[in-house]
Amino acid sequence: MVVKIHFKKSNKVIEVFPGNTLLHIAKENDIFMPSPCGGNARCGGCRVKIFEGNDLEDISAEEYLKLSDEKIQEGYRLACSYIVKEDIVVDR
C-alpha cells in the first residue's frame, strides 16, 4: 500500500510506502526540514504541523517531552519521530 504526503509549502506530493519517519522521507526527497540534533528527538527543531491524517494515538515519549498538550492537539508532531502510516498533509 502506498501513501501520499502533501508538503504544502513546497507544493510537492510524494508517494511512499508507510513505515519511515517523516524526516527521513523529507530528506530523501530533497525537502528541507530542520533537524538541529540530527533527528534524535532531542531538540524539537523538526516540529511540523500535520493538517490531515494525524494519528494522535501513536505519539512517542519524545514528542510528549518536546511538545505541549496544546500543540499536540493542534496537530504538531516531531518529524523525526512521526512514522508515516497514512495520507497526510504537512506544513513544509
C-alpha atoms as a PDB file:
ATOM      1  CA  MET A   1       0.000   0.000   0.000  1.00  0.00           C
ATOM      2  CA  VAL A   2       1.337   3.423  -0.968  1.00  0.00           C
ATOM      3  CA  VAL A   3       0.537   6.598   0.973  1.00  0.00           C
ATOM      4  CA  LYS A   4       0.701  10.218  -0.182  1.00  0.00           C
ATOM      5  CA  ILE A   5       2.421  13.032   1.663  1.00  0.00           C
ATOM      6  CA  HIS A   6       1.490  16.540   0.558  1.00  0.00           C
ATOM      7  CA  PHE A   7       4.089  19.110   1.580  1.00  0.00           C
ATOM      8  CA  LYS A   8       2.087  22.367   1.473  1.00  0.00           C
ATOM      9  CA  LYS A   9       4.860  24.993   1.364  1.00  0.00           C
ATOM     10  CA  SER A  10       6.854  23.257  -1.329  1.00  0.00           C
ATOM     11  CA  ASN A  11       3.664  22.097  -3.066  1.00  0.00           C
ATOM     12  CA  LYS A  12       5.051  18.594  -3.547  1.00  0.00           C
ATOM     13  CA  VAL A  13       3.133  15.360  -3.280  1.00  0.00           C
ATOM     14  CA  ILE A  14       5.221  12.277  -2.676  1.00  0.00           C
ATOM     15  CA  GLU A  15       4.088   8.675  -2.744  1.00  0.00           C
ATOM     16  CA  VAL A  16       5.893   6.329  -0.361  1.00  0.00           C
ATOM     17  CA  PHE A  17       5.458   3.048   1.396  1.00  0.00           C
ATOM     18  CA  PRO A  18       4.459   3.556   5.050  1.00  0.00           C
ATOM     19  CA  GLY A  19       6.886   2.896   7.859  1.00  0.00           C
ATOM     20  CA  ASN A  20       9.583   5.591   7.677  1.00  0.00           C
ATOM     21  CA  THR A  21       9.785   8.790   9.666  1.00  0.00           C
ATOM     22  CA  LEU A  22       8.587  11.989   8.074  1.00  0.00           C
ATOM     23  CA  LEU A  23      12.071  13.490   8.494  1.00  0.00           C
ATOM     24  CA  HIS A  24      13.686  10.576   6.653  1.00  0.00           C
ATOM     25  CA  ILE A  25      11.180  10.827   3.797  1.00  0.00           C
ATOM     26  CA  ALA A  26      11.629  14.596   3.502  1.00  0.00           C
ATOM     27  CA  LYS A  27      15.418  14.309   3.354  1.00  0.00           C
ATOM     28  CA  GLU A  28      15.279  11.537   0.751  1.00  0.00           C
ATOM     29  CA  ASN A  29      13.084  13.761  -1.419  1.00  0.00           C
ATOM     30  CA  ASP A  30      15.134  16.974  -1.075  1.00  0.00           C
ATOM     31  CA  ILE A  31      12.579  18.759   1.088  1.00  0.00           C
ATOM     32  CA  PHE A  32      14.311  20.884   3.704  1.00  0.00           C
ATOM     33  CA  MET A  33      13.294  20.143   7.232  1.00  0.00           C
ATOM     34  CA  PRO A  34      15.453  21.475  10.069  1.00  0.00           C
ATOM     35  CA  SER A  35      16.866  18.870  12.418  1.00  0.00           C
ATOM     36  CA  PRO A  36      19.499  20.506  14.642  1.00  0.00           C
ATOM     37  CA  CYS A  37      20.015  17.348  16.712  1.00  0.00           C
ATOM     38  CA  GLY A  38      20.301  15.131  13.630  1.00  0.00           C
ATOM     39  CA  GLY A  39      16.878  13.562  14.021  1.00  0.00           C
ATOM     40  CA  ASN A  40      17.458  12.169  17.513  1.00  0.00           C
ATOM     41  CA  ALA A  41      14.350  13.756  19.110  1.00  0.00           C
ATOM     42  CA  ARG A  42      16.477  15.850  21.475  1.00  0.00           C
ATOM     43  CA  CYS A  43      15.722  19.398  20.359  1.00  0.00           C
ATOM     44  CA  GLY A  44      12.228  19.704  18.872  1.00  0.00           C
ATOM     45  CA  GLY A  45      13.641  21.588  15.888  1.00  0.00           C
ATOM     46  CA  CYS A  46      11.885  19.362  13.365  1.00  0.00           C
ATOM     47  CA  ARG A  47       8.425  20.265  14.677  1.00  0.00           C
ATOM     48  CA  VAL A  48       5.814  20.258  11.903  1.00  0.00           C
ATOM     49  CA  LYS A  49       2.083  20.705  11.758  1.00  0.00           C
ATOM     50  CA  ILE A  50       0.093  17.912  10.203  1.00  0.00           C
ATOM     51  CA  PHE A  51      -3.202  19.187   8.836  1.00  0.00           C
ATOM     52  CA  GLU A  52      -4.780  15.916   7.708  1.00  0.00           C
ATOM     53  CA  GLY A  53      -4.248  12.295   8.640  1.00  0.00           C
ATOM     54  CA  ASN A  54      -2.570  12.828  12.006  1.00  0.00           C
ATOM     55  CA  ASP A  55      -2.850   9.687  14.117  1.00  0.00           C
ATOM     56  CA  LEU A  56      -2.787  11.052  17.667  1.00  0.00           C
ATOM     57  CA  GLU A  57      -2.648   7.584  19.200  1.00  0.00           C
ATOM     58  CA  ASP A  58       0.952   6.974  18.137  1.00  0.00           C
ATOM     59  CA  ILE A  59       2.698   9.871  19.862  1.00  0.00           C
ATOM     60  CA  SER A  60       6.177   8.971  21.069  1.00  0.00           C
ATOM     61  CA  ALA A  61       7.516   9.729  24.541  1.00  0.00           C
ATOM     62  CA  GLU A  62       9.987  12.144  22.949  1.00  0.00           C
ATOM     63  CA  GLU A  63       7.131  14.102  21.395  1.00  0.00           C
ATOM     64  CA  TYR A  64       5.389  14.384  24.763  1.00  0.00           C
ATOM     65  CA  LEU A  65       8.617  15.801  26.214  1.00  0.00           C
ATOM     66  CA  LYS A  66       9.155  18.372  23.446  1.00  0.00           C
ATOM     67  CA  LEU A  67       5.569  19.401  22.613  1.00  0.00           C
ATOM     68  CA  SER A  68       2.856  20.773  24.876  1.00  0.00           C
ATOM     69  CA  ASP A  69      -0.507  19.015  25.042  1.00  0.00           C
ATOM     70  CA  GLU A  70      -1.989  22.048  23.287  1.00  0.00           C
ATOM     71  CA  LYS A  71       0.475  21.808  20.386  1.00  0.00           C
ATOM     72  CA  ILE A  72      -0.181  18.083  20.037  1.00  0.00           C
ATOM     73  CA  GLN A  73      -3.938  18.699  19.884  1.00  0.00           C
ATOM     74  CA  GLU A  74      -3.314  21.372  17.217  1.00  0.00           C
ATOM     75  CA  GLY A  75      -1.589  18.725  15.076  1.00  0.00           C
ATOM     76  CA  TYR A  76       2.093  19.383  15.771  1.00  0.00           C
ATOM     77  CA  ARG A  77       4.497  16.454  15.717  1.00  0.00           C
ATOM     78  CA  LEU A  78       8.244  15.855  15.563  1.00  0.00           C
ATOM     79  CA  ALA A  79       9.177  14.810  12.044  1.00  0.00           C
ATOM     80  CA  CYS A  80      11.993  12.639  13.392  1.00  0.00           C
ATOM     81  CA  SER A  81       9.542  10.602  15.491  1.00  0.00           C
ATOM     82  CA  TYR A  82       6.410  10.664  13.354  1.00  0.00           C
ATOM     83  CA  ILE A  83       6.048   7.373  11.448  1.00  0.00           C
ATOM     84  CA  VAL A  84       4.064   7.853   8.255  1.00  0.00           C
ATOM     85  CA  LYS A  85       1.225   5.319   8.058  1.00  0.00           C
ATOM     86  CA  GLU A  86      -1.451   7.099   6.018  1.00  0.00           C
ATOM     87  CA  ASP A  87      -2.012  10.006   3.636  1.00  0.00           C
ATOM     88  CA  ILE A  88      -1.054  13.284   5.316  1.00  0.00           C
ATOM     89  CA  VAL A  89      -0.785  16.998   4.594  1.00  0.00           C
ATOM     90  CA  VAL A  90       2.218  18.717   6.214  1.00  0.00           C
ATOM     91  CA  ASP A  91       3.071  22.406   6.593  1.00  0.00           C
ATOM     92  CA  ARG A  92       6.505  22.127   4.936  1.00  0.00           C
END
